Amino acid sequence: MSAAFRRERLGSGGGSGRLLTINVAVLLVIIVFFRLRRRTEARSRFDEKMTVVIVLALGVLIAPTAAGQKILDVLNQLVQGVSHAGS
């Protein structure tokens, strides 16, 4: 399943047939960025829960991609390094 929505561009004329592609993962990153810029005191419990849901959806979209696998590899190396340093 592709993580992109395709929408026909609305035109006033005969329609040029161009498509606008929006990557859902990039859109969610932008949304999370702006939601986290708000001050903590200004967030309600609902805002906090909604941010968690959006971040989880972002994780589901990123996980099967090459970038998601790279992030997983980096985190695995970090965890292994910390566990070896602690023992």
Foldseek 3Di string as FASTA:
>chain_A
DAQWDWDQDDDPPPGPRDIDIDRNLVVLVVVLVVLVVDDPVPDDPVSVVVSVVSVVVSLVNLCVDPVNVVVVVVVVVVVVVVVVVVD
